[in-house]
Amino acid sequence: STQSTGTDRIKKTRSMSLPFNDQKVHELRQFVQFVEHNPQIIHHEKLLFFRDFLVKLGAKIPNAPEPQQAKHEKTPEHAKHAEHEKQEKHEKHEKHEEHEKQEQPVEHEMKDEDKSEPEEVDPDLLPPDNDPPAQNGDDSREVSEDDSDAACDLRVMGIKLQREHKYEEAIAKFTEAILKDPKSGANYATRGACFLEMKKPNAAIRDCNKAISINPDSEKAFKVRGRANRYLGHYVESMRDLQTGCKLDYDDTTNELLKFVTPKAEKILKKQRDHEIKERQKQEEELRRRREEAERRRQQQEKFQPPQDEDHFDGDVPPGMADAMNDPDLQEALNDPDILQKINEISQDPTKAAAYAASNPKLMKVLLKLQSMMGGAKGGGFPGGFPGFGKK
C-alpha cells in the first residue's frame, strides 16, 4: 500500500498545472544543462539561494572554485606555461629599458623639472592581430526552438574545450553555435572571450561589437571588449567598457582592471583636452589678428582722403574718384604700406609725384591710372593732377 501511495503522488504531481509557460521550462532546461557542465557556477553570489535550496534537498554540492590568483594553476603543465610567459615578459621589459638607456643622450639623464614624466611601459600589451574576420551567422533567418537548443549545447561544449585550452576546437564549436542561432549575443560574446585567450584582441572586439549590437546589456561582451582594448593600449575605450560592465554586473576582477586603466585613460583625456584648448586659442588668436588687420586697412583707406580744392571740388566726389576706389588693381596697390604712405604724402604735396614716381615703377603705374581716371587736370591739388608729373 505504501508503494501504491507513492505512485499516486507521482501521478498527481505530474498532472499539476505549472505557474509558468513552456518558454520558461525551456530556459530552465538550458540552465540545468549549463550547470551540469559547469557545476562550480552554483557558488556564484547570484545563485546562492539556489545552492542552499539544493542542499536542503540533500544534493551533493561541489567545492567552491579556487581563488582568482590560482585560476591558471589547475594543472602542473599550465602553471609551467604561465611561469614561462611571465619570465619572457619580464626579460622583454628589461631588454626594452636597457635599450632605451643606451639610446638616450647623456644630457637627457639630467633633471628637468619642466618635462613631464615618461610614460610607464605596460608589459602586457599585445600586438594587434590581423586575421580575417571569423564566420558569422545569417541574422535574417528564423531560429527554431531546436536550433536554439542545439546552439546552447554547442556553446557548452565549446566552453568545456576552452577550459581544456583546446582553443581552435572551442572556436569551431562556438562558430557552429552562432550559425545555429545567430540572434544570440551570448554566442558571440563567448567566442570573443575565447579569441582573447588566444591573444587575438581585434577578433575579440569584433565579436563583442556584434554581441552588444544584439544585446546592449551584455555585461560579458563589455567586460571582454574592455580587456581586449586594454591589451591594445586603448585605455580610454577600455575604461568606458569596464565601467559599463561593472554597472551591469559587478565583479572584483573587472573592478581591479578598471583601477589599472583609469589613470592611464584620464591622462590621455587630459592631453586631448589640453590640445583642444590650445587649438581653440590658436583659432581665436588668428581671428583676432585678422580683425585687427582688417581694421588697420580700413583706417589706412580712410587716411586716403584727397584735400578739398575750391577750384575742382564742389562737395561731391571728384570726377573719376569713385571709379578709382573701386578699381581692383588700385585696391591691391593700396594694400602696400609703402605705396599708401607715398600717395598720402603726394595728396598733401602733389609736387612730390614726379620724384617719387621716377624711383618707383609701381607707384608710377598707380599715379598714371589715377591721373587718367580723374581727367588728368592740370594745376595743384591731388584730384586735379600732379604738377610736373608725366611731362617730358
Foldseek 3Di string as FASTA:
>chain_A
DVVVVVVVVVVVVVPDDDPDDPVVVLVVVLVVVLCVLVVLCCPPPVNVVVVVVCVVVVDDGDDHDDDPVCLQVPDVVSVVVVVVVVVVLVVVVVVVVVVVVVPDDPVVVDDDPVDDDDDDDDSLAADADDDPADDAADPPDDADSVLQVQLSVLQSVLVSCVSVVVLVSSLVSLRSSRHSPVLALVSLLSSLLSCVVVVHLVNSLVSLVSSCVSPVLPLSSLLSNLVSCVSNVVLLSNLVSLVSSCVSPNDPVSVVVNVVSVVVNVVVVVVVVVVVVVVVVVVVVVVVVVVVLVVVLVVLVVLLDADDDPVQDDPDDQQLPVVLVVDPLNSVQCSPVVLSVVSSVCSVPLQCQAVVCVVPVSNLVSLVVQCVRRVVADDDTSSRHRPPPPDD
